[in-house]
Amino acid sequence: MNYSLPDNAEIYTHRIGRTARAGKTGTAISFVSRSDTRKLFGIERLLKQKIQKAQIPNAKDVVEIQKKRLMERLSESVAEG
């Protein structure tokens, strides 16, 4: 998890490269503020690929997801008897 982007794109690529050492796979998650979007575009240019972007859910969205998961588990439990 990266809570901020470094000023240098090469440093970022080195940092995320540590996520998947010795042939293992991994996922790097970076929190990017609006003010860091230029840095993100620089990283994408260096990597020559787009980075998947997603919005952080707000509290209301999180509660709705939790309710949905609870209802699914309850339905499964009822179905199992």
N, C-alpha and C. Protein backbone atom coordinates (compact mmCIF):
# COMPACT_ATOMS: atom_id res chain seq x y z
N MET A 1 0.85 -1.17 0.00
CA MET A 1 0.00 0.00 0.00
C MET A 1 0.90 1.23 0.00
N ASN A 2 0.60 2.12 -0.90
CA ASN A 2 1.32 3.39 -0.98
C ASN A 2 0.35 4.51 -0.65
N TYR A 3 0.66 5.24 0.38
CA TYR A 3 -0.22 6.33 0.80
C TYR A 3 0.14 7.65 0.13
N SER A 4 1.26 7.67 -0.57
CA SER A 4 1.64 8.85 -1.35
C SER A 4 2.55 8.40 -2.48
N LEU A 5 2.57 9.18 -3.54
CA LEU A 5 3.42 8.86 -4.67
C LEU A 5 4.74 9.63 -4.54
N PRO A 6 5.85 8.99 -4.85
CA PRO A 6 7.12 9.71 -4.82
C PRO A 6 7.19 10.69 -5.99
N ASP A 7 8.07 11.66 -5.90
CA ASP A 7 8.22 12.64 -6.97
C ASP A 7 8.81 12.03 -8.23
N ASN A 8 9.51 10.93 -8.09
CA ASN A 8 10.22 10.32 -9.21
C ASN A 8 9.53 9.01 -9.60
N ALA A 9 9.15 8.88 -10.87
CA ALA A 9 8.44 7.68 -11.34
C ALA A 9 9.30 6.43 -11.20
N GLU A 10 10.63 6.55 -11.39
CA GLU A 10 11.51 5.38 -11.27
C GLU A 10 11.51 4.83 -9.85
N ILE A 11 11.44 5.71 -8.87
CA ILE A 11 11.38 5.26 -7.47
C ILE A 11 10.10 4.47 -7.23
N TYR A 12 9.00 4.95 -7.81
CA TYR A 12 7.73 4.24 -7.65
C TYR A 12 7.82 2.85 -8.25
N THR A 13 8.36 2.74 -9.46
CA THR A 13 8.43 1.43 -10.09
C THR A 13 9.32 0.47 -9.29
N HIS A 14 10.38 1.01 -8.69
CA HIS A 14 11.22 0.16 -7.83
C HIS A 14 10.43 -0.28 -6.60
N ARG A 15 9.68 0.65 -6.02
CA ARG A 15 8.89 0.34 -4.82
C ARG A 15 7.85 -0.73 -5.10
N ILE A 16 7.11 -0.61 -6.21
CA ILE A 16 6.07 -1.61 -6.48
C ILE A 16 6.66 -2.91 -6.96
N GLY A 17 7.88 -2.86 -7.50
CA GLY A 17 8.56 -4.09 -7.90
C GLY A 17 8.83 -4.99 -6.73
N ARG A 18 8.93 -4.43 -5.55
CA ARG A 18 9.16 -5.21 -4.34
C ARG A 18 7.91 -6.01 -3.95
N THR A 19 6.77 -5.66 -4.54
CA THR A 19 5.52 -6.36 -4.25
C THR A 19 5.56 -7.81 -4.72
N ALA A 20 6.27 -8.07 -5.80
CA ALA A 20 6.27 -9.41 -6.39
C ALA A 20 7.71 -9.89 -6.56
N ARG A 21 8.32 -10.25 -5.47
CA ARG A 21 9.71 -10.73 -5.51
C ARG A 21 9.78 -12.21 -5.77
N ALA A 22 10.91 -12.62 -6.29
CA ALA A 22 11.25 -14.05 -6.46
C ALA A 22 10.17 -14.82 -7.22
N GLY A 23 9.65 -14.20 -8.28
CA GLY A 23 8.67 -14.89 -9.11
C GLY A 23 7.26 -14.94 -8.56
N LYS A 24 7.04 -14.33 -7.42
CA LYS A 24 5.69 -14.31 -6.83
C LYS A 24 4.88 -13.19 -7.45
N THR A 25 3.59 -13.23 -7.26
CA THR A 25 2.73 -12.16 -7.76
C THR A 25 2.27 -11.31 -6.59
N GLY A 26 1.82 -10.13 -6.90
CA GLY A 26 1.35 -9.24 -5.86
C GLY A 26 0.54 -8.10 -6.45
N THR A 27 -0.08 -7.34 -5.59
CA THR A 27 -0.87 -6.20 -6.00
C THR A 27 -0.39 -4.97 -5.25
N ALA A 28 -0.11 -3.91 -5.98
CA ALA A 28 0.27 -2.64 -5.37
C ALA A 28 -0.94 -1.73 -5.40
N ILE A 29 -1.27 -1.16 -4.27
CA ILE A 29 -2.39 -0.22 -4.18
C ILE A 29 -1.82 1.12 -3.76
N SER A 30 -2.17 2.15 -4.51
CA SER A 30 -1.68 3.50 -4.22
C SER A 30 -2.86 4.45 -4.09
N PHE A 31 -2.85 5.23 -3.04
CA PHE A 31 -3.86 6.26 -2.85
C PHE A 31 -3.33 7.53 -3.51
N VAL A 32 -4.10 8.08 -4.44
CA VAL A 32 -3.66 9.23 -5.21
C VAL A 32 -4.66 10.36 -5.06
N SER A 33 -4.18 11.50 -4.62
CA SER A 33 -5.05 12.68 -4.50
C SER A 33 -5.10 13.39 -5.85
N ARG A 34 -6.02 14.29 -5.98
CA ARG A 34 -6.13 15.05 -7.23
C ARG A 34 -4.81 15.76 -7.55
N SER A 35 -4.13 16.24 -6.53
CA SER A 35 -2.89 16.97 -6.77
C SER A 35 -1.75 16.07 -7.26
N ASP A 36 -1.91 14.76 -7.12
CA ASP A 36 -0.87 13.82 -7.56
C ASP A 36 -1.16 13.18 -8.92
N THR A 37 -2.19 13.64 -9.61
CA THR A 37 -2.54 12.99 -10.87
C THR A 37 -1.43 13.14 -11.92
N ARG A 38 -0.70 14.25 -11.90
CA ARG A 38 0.41 14.40 -12.85
C ARG A 38 1.47 13.34 -12.60
N LYS A 39 1.76 13.08 -11.33
CA LYS A 39 2.74 12.04 -10.99
C LYS A 39 2.26 10.69 -11.51
N LEU A 40 0.97 10.42 -11.36
CA LEU A 40 0.41 9.15 -11.81
C LEU A 40 0.55 9.01 -13.33
N PHE A 41 0.27 10.07 -14.06
CA PHE A 41 0.42 10.03 -15.52
C PHE A 41 1.88 9.79 -15.90
N GLY A 42 2.81 10.37 -15.15
CA GLY A 42 4.23 10.13 -15.41
C GLY A 42 4.61 8.68 -15.19
N ILE A 43 4.05 8.07 -14.17
CA ILE A 43 4.29 6.64 -13.89
C ILE A 43 3.72 5.79 -15.02
N GLU A 44 2.51 6.11 -15.47
CA GLU A 44 1.91 5.36 -16.57
C GLU A 44 2.75 5.48 -17.84
N ARG A 45 3.29 6.67 -18.09
CA ARG A 45 4.15 6.84 -19.27
C ARG A 45 5.40 5.99 -19.16
N LEU A 46 6.02 5.97 -17.97
CA LEU A 46 7.23 5.18 -17.76
C LEU A 46 6.94 3.69 -17.93
N LEU A 47 5.83 3.23 -17.37
CA LEU A 47 5.45 1.82 -17.46
C LEU A 47 4.89 1.44 -18.82
N LYS A 48 4.48 2.44 -19.58
CA LYS A 48 3.84 2.23 -20.88
C LYS A 48 2.58 1.38 -20.75
N GLN A 49 1.85 1.65 -19.68
CA GLN A 49 0.55 0.99 -19.50
C GLN A 49 -0.29 1.80 -18.53
N LYS A 50 -1.60 1.64 -18.68
CA LYS A 50 -2.53 2.34 -17.80
C LYS A 50 -2.62 1.62 -16.46
N ILE A 51 -2.78 2.38 -15.42
CA ILE A 51 -2.97 1.83 -14.07
C ILE A 51 -4.46 1.85 -13.79
N GLN A 52 -4.97 0.73 -13.29
CA GLN A 52 -6.40 0.64 -12.97
C GLN A 52 -6.74 1.62 -11.86
N LYS A 53 -7.80 2.39 -12.06
CA LYS A 53 -8.21 3.39 -11.09
C LYS A 53 -9.58 3.04 -10.52
N ALA A 54 -9.79 3.38 -9.26
CA ALA A 54 -11.08 3.15 -8.61
C ALA A 54 -11.28 4.24 -7.56
N GLN A 55 -12.52 4.53 -7.31
CA GLN A 55 -12.87 5.50 -6.27
C GLN A 55 -12.90 4.80 -4.92
N ILE A 56 -12.49 5.50 -3.88
CA ILE A 56 -12.62 4.98 -2.52
C ILE A 56 -14.08 5.13 -2.13
N PRO A 57 -14.72 4.05 -1.66
CA PRO A 57 -16.14 4.16 -1.31
C PRO A 57 -16.34 5.05 -0.08
N ASN A 58 -17.48 5.74 -0.06
CA ASN A 58 -17.79 6.54 1.12
C ASN A 58 -18.46 5.65 2.16
N ALA A 59 -18.73 6.18 3.33
CA ALA A 59 -19.28 5.40 4.44
C ALA A 59 -20.63 4.77 4.07
N LYS A 60 -21.46 5.50 3.37
CA LYS A 60 -22.78 4.99 2.98
C LYS A 60 -22.63 3.78 2.07
N ASP A 61 -21.71 3.86 1.11
CA ASP A 61 -21.47 2.73 0.19
C ASP A 61 -20.99 1.50 0.95
N VAL A 62 -20.10 1.71 1.91
CA VAL A 62 -19.57 0.59 2.69
C VAL A 62 -20.69 -0.10 3.46
N VAL A 63 -21.57 0.67 4.07
CA VAL A 63 -22.69 0.10 4.83
C VAL A 63 -23.60 -0.70 3.90
N GLU A 64 -23.86 -0.17 2.70
CA GLU A 64 -24.71 -0.88 1.75
C GLU A 64 -24.08 -2.21 1.32
N ILE A 65 -22.78 -2.21 1.08
CA ILE A 65 -22.08 -3.44 0.71
C ILE A 65 -22.14 -4.45 1.85
N GLN A 66 -21.95 -3.99 3.08
CA GLN A 66 -22.02 -4.89 4.23
C GLN A 66 -23.43 -5.47 4.38
N LYS A 67 -24.46 -4.67 4.18
CA LYS A 67 -25.84 -5.16 4.25
C LYS A 67 -26.08 -6.24 3.20
N LYS A 68 -25.61 -5.97 1.98
CA LYS A 68 -25.80 -6.92 0.89
C LYS A 68 -25.11 -8.25 1.21
N ARG A 69 -23.89 -8.20 1.71
CA ARG A 69 -23.15 -9.42 2.05
C ARG A 69 -23.84 -10.18 3.18
N LEU A 70 -24.36 -9.45 4.16
CA LEU A 70 -25.08 -10.08 5.28
C LEU A 70 -26.32 -10.80 4.77
N MET A 71 -27.07 -10.14 3.88
CA MET A 71 -28.28 -10.75 3.33
C MET A 71 -27.94 -12.01 2.52
N GLU A 72 -26.83 -11.96 1.78
CA GLU A 72 -26.41 -13.14 1.01
C GLU A 72 -26.05 -14.30 1.94
N ARG A 73 -25.33 -14.00 3.02
CA ARG A 73 -24.97 -15.06 3.98
C ARG A 73 -26.18 -15.62 4.67
N LEU A 74 -27.13 -14.74 5.02
CA LEU A 74 -28.37 -15.23 5.66
C LEU A 74 -29.15 -16.11 4.70
N SER A 75 -29.24 -15.71 3.45
CA SER A 75 -29.95 -16.52 2.45
C SER A 75 -29.30 -17.88 2.28
N GLU A 76 -27.98 -17.92 2.26
CA GLU A 76 -27.24 -19.18 2.14
C GLU A 76 -27.50 -20.07 3.36
N SER A 77 -27.51 -19.47 4.53
CA SER A 77 -27.74 -20.25 5.76
C SER A 77 -29.15 -20.83 5.79
N VAL A 78 -30.12 -20.04 5.37
CA VAL A 78 -31.50 -20.53 5.33
C VAL A 78 -31.61 -21.66 4.31
N ALA A 79 -30.98 -21.50 3.17
CA ALA A 79 -31.03 -22.54 2.12
C ALA A 79 -30.38 -23.83 2.58
N GLU A 80 -29.34 -23.70 3.41
CA GLU A 80 -28.65 -24.91 3.92
C GLU A 80 -29.42 -25.56 5.05
N GLY A 81 -30.36 -24.83 5.63
CA GLY A 81 -31.17 -25.40 6.70
C GLY A 81 -30.60 -25.08 8.01
